[in-house]
Amino acid sequence: MQFLHSLSPSMFRLELQKNLVKSTKNSETDSKKTHASSNVPAAPHLLEFRRNHLCKSLSTSYRKPIHVVRGNGSYLFDVNGKKYLDGVNNVAHVGHCHPKVVSAGQSQMATLCTNTRYLGTELVAYLQNLLSTFPPKLSVCFLVCSGTEANELALRLARNYTGRNNFICIDGAYHGNSFETVNISPYKWKGKGGFPKPEHVHVVDTPDTFRGLYRNKSKSKEEELNCAELYAEQVKSVLEDCPNKVAAFIAESVMGCGGQIVPPKGYLEKSFTHARSGGALCISDEVQIGFGRCGHSFWAFNHQDDVIPDIVTMGKPIGNGHPIGAVVTTQEIADAFANGMEYFNTFGGNNVSCVIGTAVLDVIKEEGLQHNSLIIGNFVKEGLRNIQGQFPEIGDIRGVGLYIGIEFVRDLEHLEPFPELASEVSQHMKENSNVLVSVDGPANNVIKVKPPICWSREDALWFLKAFSKAAEELIPQFRTFHH
């Protein structure tokens, strides 16, 4: 099948239409496999129960929430058997309910699940596999249960090693939901229900070359490098203003909640250099983007820059839905942490988690999913750019591998965010094409696409058809209404 950039607009639409028909037939076949159980409460009762017994700060997706009962590969199925293409669940990294991952967990659960104070081959086998994906310098691992726990521990490691208490983070960053990880997450404390910036936290600008302080308007490599240097200079400035106070600079290798922002080439390298010159450690948060999602490399911290962090944190996709997190660091930093206070995590590193983690790594390798993420991700971006050419309201298409952002603006001159349009496109794709995406970014004007990395070419075409249909039907209406 040809790549979309080789097709004329008319052929592009024809190709999408053919594959949508194929996807619809597959959806009808798969729908027969899922039936509503007579003892499953109706959705209104589920919503009522949630309202009464879950904290109201917990939201649901979409105006009409979906009652999901089954997942398989790239797809979710609702209580009535309707099949949805999952375009946003980067937790089910190798596909929902992957048989190898499920089998590994079931078998080990029926054998033994206990803590790391006992010896076991499962822990050693997993760490050997996981650490083999990192540069040799990063040789010590802590196993936890979530990305939040991983980032919380990373902050402790940095404080302990440096004897300092301050941190540098990036505007729009999200690093977790614990007390201290929220403190270094401007995405949270700048939003609704937030609070003033903590005194020990220093925020540098989002390295956004589309709408940020420094922009690569010419799309040239030279201007990109210049942007990287200017953004990185902010890290240097913080360290000069706060000598001997900063423990670490923490950065998502590719930003997620901040709007799917890919830093300009050279940003991490220059920022890490400045941080280390000021005596601070460098923490790479790979919770959302790690494990081959970016395509070019297994870890996003070195997909375009030749850097080695001091600490790397992982979560979400590491267990394909099973709650695992991890921190990898150097022997020197780990040895300094062994100061007499034991670090023990009740569930981190248990036998079941370890065999599941191993199975996820095996599937990524055996099924070539890192390469698949690169190829299908490029395919999707080319298709989106074909559509973008018809609508100036689609301001930017960006991303790496299957980690893509679609930013909506009112006009290309002023780049005023268009959150209403982004929201309606997301709702339209779900209601009219059974495709699930979500909206994020500081202005809520970015559709984020981060599906299971097993997406096929047919899945990509289903997604592109859904997005094209939503754009064609909604954007003219919004133009009329807003002008």
Protein backbone atom coordinates (compact mmCIF):
# COMPACT_ATOMS: atom_id res chain seq x y z
CA MET A 1 0.00 0.00 0.00
CA GLN A 2 1.33 3.43 -0.90
CA PHE A 3 2.20 6.03 1.69
CA LEU A 4 -0.26 8.88 1.82
CA HIS A 5 2.27 11.49 0.74
CA SER A 6 2.48 9.74 -2.62
CA LEU A 7 -1.26 10.06 -3.24
CA SER A 8 -3.15 12.96 -4.76
CA PRO A 9 -5.89 14.43 -2.52
CA SER A 10 -8.61 12.62 -4.52
CA MET A 11 -6.77 9.29 -4.38
CA PHE A 12 -6.07 9.86 -0.70
CA ARG A 13 -9.78 10.16 0.06
CA LEU A 14 -10.55 7.10 -2.07
CA GLU A 15 -7.95 5.04 -0.23
CA LEU A 16 -9.40 6.08 3.11
CA GLN A 17 -12.92 5.21 1.97
CA LYS A 18 -11.90 1.71 0.81
CA ASN A 19 -10.21 0.95 4.10
CA LEU A 20 -13.05 2.37 6.15
CA VAL A 21 -15.39 -0.15 4.50
CA LYS A 22 -12.93 -2.93 5.37
CA SER A 23 -12.65 -1.69 8.97
CA THR A 24 -16.44 -1.47 9.29
CA LYS A 25 -16.83 -5.10 8.16
CA ASN A 26 -14.23 -6.18 10.71
CA SER A 27 -16.04 -4.17 13.35
CA GLU A 28 -19.32 -5.94 12.59
CA THR A 29 -17.63 -9.34 12.83
CA ASP A 30 -15.91 -8.56 16.12
CA SER A 31 -19.06 -7.03 17.57
CA LYS A 32 -20.75 -10.42 17.46
CA LYS A 33 -18.16 -11.67 19.95
CA THR A 34 -19.23 -9.26 22.69
CA HIS A 35 -22.69 -9.23 24.24
CA ALA A 36 -24.22 -7.34 27.10
CA SER A 37 -24.56 -9.46 30.22
CA SER A 38 -27.97 -9.48 31.86
CA ASN A 39 -26.43 -8.63 35.24
CA VAL A 40 -24.44 -5.60 34.04
CA PRO A 41 -26.00 -2.36 35.32
CA ALA A 42 -27.17 0.14 32.74
CA ALA A 43 -24.84 3.10 32.16
CA PRO A 44 -27.06 5.64 34.03
CA HIS A 45 -26.80 3.49 37.17
CA LEU A 46 -23.05 3.29 36.80
CA LEU A 47 -22.83 7.08 36.50
CA GLU A 48 -25.09 7.57 39.50
CA PHE A 49 -22.98 5.24 41.61
CA ARG A 50 -19.80 7.07 40.60
CA ARG A 51 -21.34 10.43 41.46
CA ASN A 52 -22.34 9.17 44.92
CA HIS A 53 -19.31 7.08 45.84
CA LEU A 54 -16.29 8.33 43.89
CA CYS A 55 -14.65 11.71 44.31
CA LYS A 56 -16.11 14.22 41.88
CA SER A 57 -12.60 15.25 40.83
CA LEU A 58 -12.52 11.98 38.83
CA SER A 59 -13.92 12.65 35.36
CA THR A 60 -15.19 10.43 32.57
CA SER A 61 -14.24 10.67 28.91
CA TYR A 62 -16.72 12.16 26.41
CA ARG A 63 -20.12 13.78 26.87
CA LYS A 64 -21.67 10.34 26.45
CA PRO A 65 -19.37 8.06 28.46
CA ILE A 66 -18.63 4.60 27.08
CA HIS A 67 -19.34 1.45 29.10
CA VAL A 68 -16.31 -0.60 28.02
CA VAL A 69 -16.34 -4.34 28.77
CA ARG A 70 -13.56 -5.83 26.64
CA GLY A 71 -10.32 -4.96 24.91
CA ASN A 72 -8.36 -6.72 22.19
CA GLY A 73 -5.28 -5.39 20.41
CA SER A 74 -6.00 -1.88 19.15
CA TYR A 75 -9.68 -2.07 19.99
CA LEU A 76 -12.16 -1.57 22.82
CA PHE A 77 -15.70 -2.97 22.88
CA ASP A 78 -18.67 -1.51 24.72
CA VAL A 79 -21.47 -3.31 26.53
CA ASN A 80 -23.47 -3.54 23.29
CA GLY A 81 -20.61 -5.01 21.27
CA LYS A 82 -19.68 -1.81 19.44
CA LYS A 83 -16.03 -1.79 18.40
CA TYR A 84 -13.89 1.31 18.94
CA LEU A 85 -10.42 2.08 17.63
CA ASP A 86 -8.28 3.07 20.61
CA GLY A 87 -6.21 6.09 19.64
CA VAL A 88 -5.24 7.33 23.07
CA ASN A 89 -4.40 4.46 25.44
CA ASN A 90 -0.63 4.40 25.74
CA VAL A 91 -0.91 2.09 28.75
CA ALA A 92 -1.99 -0.91 26.66
CA HIS A 93 1.33 -0.49 24.90
CA VAL A 94 1.53 -3.76 22.95
CA GLY A 95 -2.25 -4.06 22.59
CA HIS A 96 -5.13 -4.67 24.96
CA CYS A 97 -5.05 -8.11 26.58
CA HIS A 98 -2.06 -9.33 24.58
CA PRO A 99 -2.17 -13.15 24.94
CA LYS A 100 1.51 -13.52 25.83
CA VAL A 101 1.31 -10.87 28.54
CA VAL A 102 -1.97 -12.25 29.91
CA SER A 103 -0.67 -15.83 29.93
CA ALA A 104 2.54 -14.85 31.73
CA GLY A 105 0.61 -13.05 34.47
CA GLN A 106 -1.97 -15.81 34.91
CA SER A 107 0.63 -18.55 35.14
CA GLN A 108 2.79 -16.72 37.69
CA MET A 109 -0.19 -15.63 39.76
CA ALA A 110 -1.16 -19.30 40.07
CA THR A 111 2.39 -20.11 41.23
CA LEU A 112 3.74 -17.35 43.47
CA CYS A 113 3.37 -13.64 44.09
CA THR A 114 5.47 -12.26 46.91
CA ASN A 115 7.90 -9.47 47.69
CA THR A 116 11.54 -8.80 46.87
CA ARG A 117 12.94 -9.78 50.26
CA TYR A 118 12.92 -13.34 48.95
CA LEU A 119 15.22 -14.53 46.18
CA GLY A 120 13.61 -15.25 42.81
CA THR A 121 14.62 -15.78 39.21
CA GLU A 122 11.77 -13.63 37.88
CA LEU A 123 13.24 -10.42 39.32
CA VAL A 124 16.74 -11.11 38.02
CA ALA A 125 15.53 -12.11 34.55
CA TYR A 126 13.41 -8.97 34.25
CA LEU A 127 16.12 -6.57 35.38
CA GLN A 128 18.63 -8.15 33.01
CA ASN A 129 16.21 -7.58 30.13
CA LEU A 130 15.23 -4.07 31.16
CA LEU A 131 18.76 -2.82 31.89
CA SER A 132 20.01 -4.17 28.57
CA THR A 133 17.97 -1.43 26.86
CA PHE A 134 19.95 1.33 28.63
CA PRO A 135 23.49 2.69 28.30
CA PRO A 136 25.85 0.68 30.59
CA LYS A 137 26.23 3.66 32.95
CA LEU A 138 22.57 3.27 33.98
CA SER A 139 22.95 -0.02 35.81
CA VAL A 140 20.82 0.04 38.98
CA CYS A 141 17.05 -0.32 39.08
CA PHE A 142 14.32 0.33 41.66
CA LEU A 143 10.94 -1.29 40.93
CA VAL A 144 7.77 0.50 42.05
CA CYS A 145 4.09 0.44 41.09
CA SER A 146 3.45 3.57 39.01
CA GLY A 147 4.99 6.47 37.17
CA THR A 148 4.09 8.75 40.06
CA GLU A 149 5.99 6.55 42.50
CA ALA A 150 8.91 6.43 40.09
CA ASN A 151 9.14 10.23 39.83
CA GLU A 152 8.68 10.66 43.58
CA LEU A 153 11.60 8.30 44.18
CA ALA A 154 13.70 10.07 41.53
CA LEU A 155 13.29 13.34 43.44
CA ARG A 156 14.39 11.61 46.66
CA LEU A 157 17.45 10.18 44.93
CA ALA A 158 18.41 13.61 43.60
CA ARG A 159 17.93 15.34 46.94
CA ASN A 160 19.91 12.69 48.75
CA TYR A 161 22.81 12.71 46.29
CA THR A 162 23.19 16.47 45.94
CA GLY A 163 22.11 17.60 49.40
CA ARG A 164 19.92 20.20 47.68
CA ASN A 165 16.18 20.79 47.74
CA ASN A 166 15.22 22.78 44.61
CA PHE A 167 14.11 21.51 41.21
CA ILE A 168 13.84 22.87 37.68
CA CYS A 169 10.85 21.69 35.63
CA ILE A 170 9.29 22.70 32.33
CA ASP A 171 6.11 24.74 32.02
CA GLY A 172 3.18 22.49 31.14
CA ALA A 173 4.89 19.41 32.56
CA TYR A 174 3.02 16.63 34.34
CA HIS A 175 5.01 14.20 36.49
CA GLY A 176 2.42 12.53 38.73
CA ASN A 177 -0.30 12.92 41.35
CA SER A 178 1.56 12.65 44.66
CA PHE A 179 2.24 15.74 46.77
CA GLU A 180 5.76 16.38 45.51
CA THR A 181 5.20 15.33 41.89
CA VAL A 182 2.26 17.74 41.67
CA ASN A 183 4.62 20.45 42.96
CA ILE A 184 6.84 19.92 39.89
CA SER A 185 3.83 19.69 37.55
CA PRO A 186 2.82 23.20 36.36
CA TYR A 187 0.16 21.47 34.24
CA LYS A 188 -1.62 20.79 37.53
CA TRP A 189 -0.98 23.75 39.81
CA LYS A 190 -1.51 26.33 37.05
CA GLY A 191 -4.93 24.86 36.24
CA LYS A 192 -8.29 24.72 37.99
CA GLY A 193 -8.00 24.08 41.71
CA GLY A 194 -4.30 24.87 41.56
CA PHE A 195 -2.01 26.83 43.82
CA PRO A 196 0.92 29.29 43.62
CA LYS A 197 4.27 28.02 42.42
CA PRO A 198 6.15 26.31 45.26
CA GLU A 199 9.23 28.28 46.31
CA HIS A 200 11.61 25.38 45.74
CA VAL A 201 10.38 24.85 42.15
CA HIS A 202 11.77 26.80 39.20
CA VAL A 203 9.92 26.74 35.88
CA VAL A 204 11.46 27.21 32.44
CA ASP A 205 9.48 27.79 29.27
CA THR A 206 8.02 24.94 27.26
CA PRO A 207 10.47 24.30 24.38
CA ASP A 208 7.67 24.80 21.87
CA THR A 209 8.89 25.96 18.47
CA PHE A 210 5.35 26.41 17.11
CA ARG A 211 3.79 28.89 19.56
CA GLY A 212 6.46 29.29 22.24
CA LEU A 213 8.77 32.19 23.05
CA TYR A 214 11.27 31.03 20.41
CA ARG A 215 9.75 29.73 17.17
CA ASN A 216 11.14 27.87 14.20
CA LYS A 217 9.10 29.72 11.60
CA SER A 218 11.35 28.70 8.73
CA LYS A 219 11.30 25.01 9.74
CA SER A 220 15.07 25.02 9.19
CA LYS A 221 17.65 22.97 11.09
CA GLU A 222 19.64 26.12 11.80
CA GLU A 223 16.70 27.90 13.40
CA GLU A 224 15.77 24.74 15.33
CA LEU A 225 19.25 24.59 16.87
CA ASN A 226 19.03 28.28 17.70
CA CYS A 227 15.69 27.72 19.46
CA ALA A 228 17.17 24.80 21.39
CA GLU A 229 20.04 26.96 22.61
CA LEU A 230 17.78 29.84 23.66
CA TYR A 231 15.37 27.58 25.55
CA ALA A 232 18.25 25.75 27.24
CA GLU A 233 19.76 29.06 28.33
CA GLN A 234 16.81 29.41 30.71
CA VAL A 235 18.03 26.35 32.61
CA LYS A 236 21.44 27.97 32.89
CA SER A 237 19.89 31.23 34.14
CA VAL A 238 18.01 29.46 36.95
CA LEU A 239 21.19 27.76 38.11
CA GLU A 240 23.07 31.08 38.08
CA ASP A 241 20.30 32.76 40.08
CA CYS A 242 20.12 29.90 42.61
CA PRO A 243 23.70 28.70 43.12
CA ASN A 244 24.10 25.41 45.00
CA LYS A 245 20.35 25.02 45.49
CA VAL A 246 19.07 22.95 42.54
CA ALA A 247 19.07 19.17 42.97
CA ALA A 248 17.88 18.27 39.48
CA PHE A 249 16.44 19.34 36.17
CA ILE A 250 13.53 17.02 35.32
CA ALA A 251 12.06 16.80 31.82
CA GLU A 252 9.65 14.62 29.93
CA SER A 253 11.73 13.51 26.94
CA VAL A 254 8.72 14.41 24.77
CA MET A 255 6.02 16.36 26.58
CA GLY A 256 2.56 14.83 26.89
CA CYS A 257 0.01 16.90 28.82
CA GLY A 258 1.93 20.00 27.76
CA GLY A 259 0.63 19.44 24.24
CA GLN A 260 2.67 16.60 22.68
CA ILE A 261 5.69 18.88 22.43
CA VAL A 262 8.84 17.51 20.77
CA PRO A 263 11.77 19.63 22.02
CA PRO A 264 14.00 21.07 19.29
CA LYS A 265 17.07 19.01 18.51
CA GLY A 266 19.85 19.92 20.93
CA TYR A 267 17.56 21.09 23.75
CA LEU A 268 18.09 18.15 26.08
CA GLU A 269 21.81 17.99 25.34
CA LYS A 270 22.36 21.69 26.08
CA SER A 271 20.02 21.70 29.10
CA PHE A 272 21.75 18.67 30.59
CA THR A 273 25.14 20.34 30.09
CA HIS A 274 23.97 23.48 31.90
CA ALA A 275 22.38 21.45 34.72
CA ARG A 276 25.52 19.43 35.34
CA SER A 277 27.69 22.52 35.22
CA GLY A 278 25.58 23.84 38.09
CA GLY A 279 25.92 20.63 40.08
CA ALA A 280 22.39 19.39 39.37
CA LEU A 281 21.35 15.93 38.20
CA CYS A 282 19.34 15.27 35.03
CA ILE A 283 16.11 13.25 35.25
CA SER A 284 14.37 11.95 32.11
CA ASP A 285 10.69 11.16 32.59
CA GLU A 286 9.89 8.38 30.10
CA VAL A 287 6.58 7.43 31.73
CA GLN A 288 4.50 8.19 28.63
CA ILE A 289 6.96 8.08 25.73
CA GLY A 290 9.30 5.19 26.58
CA PHE A 291 9.56 1.57 25.42
CA GLY A 292 9.95 2.16 21.69
CA ARG A 293 6.98 4.46 21.15
CA CYS A 294 9.05 7.19 19.49
CA GLY A 295 10.25 4.69 16.87
CA HIS A 296 13.77 5.91 16.23
CA SER A 297 15.02 4.64 19.58
CA PHE A 298 13.79 2.61 22.53
CA TRP A 299 14.05 5.61 24.84
CA ALA A 300 13.03 9.09 23.77
CA PHE A 301 15.85 10.83 25.65
CA ASN A 302 18.25 9.82 22.87
CA HIS A 303 15.98 9.79 19.85
CA GLN A 304 17.59 13.00 18.54
CA ASP A 305 20.14 14.07 21.19
CA ASP A 306 23.19 12.08 22.30
CA VAL A 307 22.50 12.29 26.04
CA ILE A 308 22.57 9.94 29.02
CA PRO A 309 20.43 11.07 31.98
CA ASP A 310 21.47 10.47 35.59
CA ILE A 311 18.03 9.05 36.40
CA VAL A 312 15.28 7.66 34.16
CA THR A 313 11.70 7.05 35.30
CA MET A 314 9.16 4.67 33.75
CA GLY A 315 5.51 3.73 34.20
CA LYS A 316 2.28 3.38 32.16
CA PRO A 317 3.31 1.11 29.20
CA ILE A 318 5.88 -0.88 31.21
CA GLY A 319 3.25 -3.44 32.28
CA ASN A 320 0.70 -3.12 29.46
CA GLY A 321 -2.00 -2.30 32.02
CA HIS A 322 -0.47 -4.06 35.01
CA PRO A 323 0.66 -1.49 37.62
CA ILE A 324 4.46 -1.32 37.35
CA GLY A 325 6.90 1.57 37.55
CA ALA A 326 10.69 1.72 37.56
CA VAL A 327 13.61 4.02 38.23
CA VAL A 328 17.00 3.39 36.63
CA THR A 329 20.10 5.27 37.75
CA THR A 330 23.85 5.04 38.15
CA GLN A 331 25.70 2.92 40.69
CA GLU A 332 27.07 6.07 42.34
CA ILE A 333 23.66 7.67 42.91
CA ALA A 334 22.17 4.37 44.11
CA ASP A 335 25.06 3.74 46.52
CA ALA A 336 24.62 7.19 48.05
CA PHE A 337 20.95 6.36 48.67
CA ALA A 338 21.94 3.26 50.67
CA ASN A 339 22.60 5.41 53.74
CA GLY A 340 21.07 3.13 56.35
CA MET A 341 17.40 3.93 55.70
CA GLU A 342 16.00 0.92 53.87
CA TYR A 343 13.98 1.47 50.72
CA PHE A 344 11.36 -1.27 50.41
CA ASN A 345 8.31 -1.33 48.18
CA THR A 346 5.72 -3.94 49.18
CA PHE A 347 4.51 -4.69 45.65
CA GLY A 348 7.34 -3.31 43.53
CA GLY A 349 9.26 -6.14 41.89
CA ASN A 350 6.85 -8.92 42.86
CA ASN A 351 7.02 -12.12 40.82
CA VAL A 352 3.87 -11.44 38.79
CA SER A 353 4.92 -7.90 37.88
CA CYS A 354 8.35 -9.13 36.79
CA VAL A 355 7.09 -11.84 34.42
CA ILE A 356 4.57 -9.40 32.95
CA GLY A 357 7.30 -6.80 32.46
CA THR A 358 9.47 -9.41 30.76
CA ALA A 359 6.60 -10.45 28.50
CA VAL A 360 6.04 -6.84 27.41
CA LEU A 361 9.72 -6.46 26.47
CA ASP A 362 9.60 -9.78 24.60
CA VAL A 363 6.52 -8.77 22.60
CA ILE A 364 8.01 -5.40 21.61
CA LYS A 365 11.06 -7.21 20.26
CA GLU A 366 9.40 -10.28 18.73
CA GLU A 367 6.68 -8.33 16.93
CA GLY A 368 8.93 -5.46 15.83
CA LEU A 369 6.70 -2.91 17.52
CA GLN A 370 9.31 -0.18 17.86
CA HIS A 371 9.79 -0.22 14.08
CA ASN A 372 6.03 -0.45 13.62
CA SER A 373 5.57 2.68 15.74
CA LEU A 374 8.02 4.53 13.51
CA ILE A 375 6.47 3.40 10.21
CA ILE A 376 2.80 3.75 11.19
CA GLY A 377 3.51 7.01 13.03
CA ASN A 378 5.12 8.52 9.93
CA PHE A 379 2.20 7.24 7.85
CA VAL A 380 -0.31 8.93 10.18
CA LYS A 381 1.59 12.24 10.24
CA GLU A 382 1.80 12.34 6.44
CA GLY A 383 -1.93 11.71 6.21
CA LEU A 384 -2.68 14.40 8.77
CA ARG A 385 -0.52 16.90 6.91
CA ASN A 386 -2.42 16.11 3.72
CA ILE A 387 -5.63 17.03 5.55
CA GLN A 388 -4.00 20.03 7.23
CA GLY A 389 -3.37 21.61 3.85
CA GLN A 390 -7.12 22.10 3.44
CA PHE A 391 -7.73 23.75 6.82
CA PRO A 392 -5.63 26.58 8.32
CA GLU A 393 -7.37 25.91 11.64
CA ILE A 394 -5.18 22.80 11.91
CA GLY A 395 -2.21 24.83 12.99
CA ASP A 396 0.41 22.17 13.66
CA ILE A 397 0.99 18.43 13.26
CA ARG A 398 3.88 17.18 15.39
CA GLY A 399 5.19 14.14 17.14
CA VAL A 400 7.51 11.15 17.02
CA GLY A 401 6.42 7.61 16.21
CA LEU A 402 2.94 6.95 17.53
CA TYR A 403 2.98 9.99 19.82
CA ILE A 404 1.31 12.74 17.83
CA GLY A 405 -0.27 16.11 18.55
CA ILE A 406 -2.79 18.00 16.39
CA GLU A 407 -3.04 21.65 17.43
CA PHE A 408 -6.07 23.77 16.51
CA VAL A 409 -5.86 27.54 16.14
CA ARG A 410 -8.28 30.27 15.08
CA ASP A 411 -5.79 31.65 12.57
CA LEU A 412 -2.18 31.05 11.61
CA GLU A 413 -1.13 34.64 12.13
CA HIS A 414 -1.94 35.04 15.81
CA LEU A 415 -2.10 31.32 16.74
CA GLU A 416 -4.99 31.92 19.14
CA PRO A 417 -5.93 28.50 20.56
CA PHE A 418 -9.19 26.95 19.36
CA PRO A 419 -10.17 24.57 22.21
CA GLU A 420 -13.85 24.42 21.22
CA LEU A 421 -12.97 23.00 17.82
CA ALA A 422 -10.51 20.47 19.24
CA SER A 423 -13.14 19.23 21.67
CA GLU A 424 -15.83 18.90 19.03
CA VAL A 425 -13.51 17.03 16.65
CA SER A 426 -12.75 14.55 19.43
CA GLN A 427 -16.45 14.07 20.20
CA HIS A 428 -17.30 13.74 16.49
CA MET A 429 -14.67 11.05 15.91
CA LYS A 430 -16.07 9.01 18.78
CA GLU A 431 -19.76 9.45 17.93
CA ASN A 432 -19.55 9.13 14.14
CA SER A 433 -16.53 6.92 13.47
CA ASN A 434 -15.94 4.95 16.69
CA VAL A 435 -12.43 6.39 17.06
CA LEU A 436 -11.20 7.38 20.51
CA VAL A 437 -8.83 10.31 21.00
CA SER A 438 -8.60 12.99 23.69
CA VAL A 439 -7.80 16.68 24.07
CA ASP A 440 -4.98 18.17 26.14
CA GLY A 441 -2.42 20.95 26.28
CA PRO A 442 -2.38 24.08 28.47
CA ALA A 443 -5.12 25.62 26.30
CA ASN A 444 -6.97 22.32 25.69
CA ASN A 445 -6.57 22.78 21.95
CA VAL A 446 -4.41 19.76 21.10
CA ILE A 447 -5.77 16.37 20.11
CA LYS A 448 -3.33 13.76 21.33
CA VAL A 449 -2.82 10.50 19.49
CA LYS A 450 -0.94 7.86 21.49
CA PRO A 451 -2.46 4.46 20.71
CA PRO A 452 -1.19 0.94 21.34
CA ILE A 453 1.95 0.65 19.20
CA CYS A 454 0.54 -2.42 17.47
CA TRP A 455 -1.66 -0.16 15.30
CA SER A 456 -1.85 -1.54 11.76
CA ARG A 457 -1.99 0.35 8.46
CA GLU A 458 -5.73 -0.34 8.41
CA ASP A 459 -6.09 1.16 11.90
CA ALA A 460 -4.21 4.25 10.75
CA LEU A 461 -6.49 4.67 7.75
CA TRP A 462 -9.58 4.22 9.93
CA PHE A 463 -8.24 7.02 12.17
CA LEU A 464 -7.39 9.31 9.24
CA LYS A 465 -10.80 8.83 7.66
CA ALA A 466 -12.46 9.68 10.98
CA PHE A 467 -10.35 12.81 11.44
CA SER A 468 -10.88 13.92 7.84
CA LYS A 469 -14.64 13.47 8.17
CA ALA A 470 -14.74 15.45 11.42
CA ALA A 471 -12.65 18.28 9.94
CA GLU A 472 -14.71 18.50 6.76
CA GLU A 473 -18.01 18.61 8.64
CA LEU A 474 -17.07 20.76 11.64
CA ILE A 475 -14.53 23.35 10.53
CA PRO A 476 -16.82 25.13 8.00
CA GLN A 477 -19.51 25.33 10.72
CA PHE A 478 -17.04 26.83 13.21
CA ARG A 479 -15.84 29.34 10.63
CA THR A 480 -19.40 30.54 10.07
CA PHE A 481 -20.21 30.68 13.77
CA HIS A 482 -17.00 32.38 14.93
CA HIS A 483 -16.73 34.89 12.09
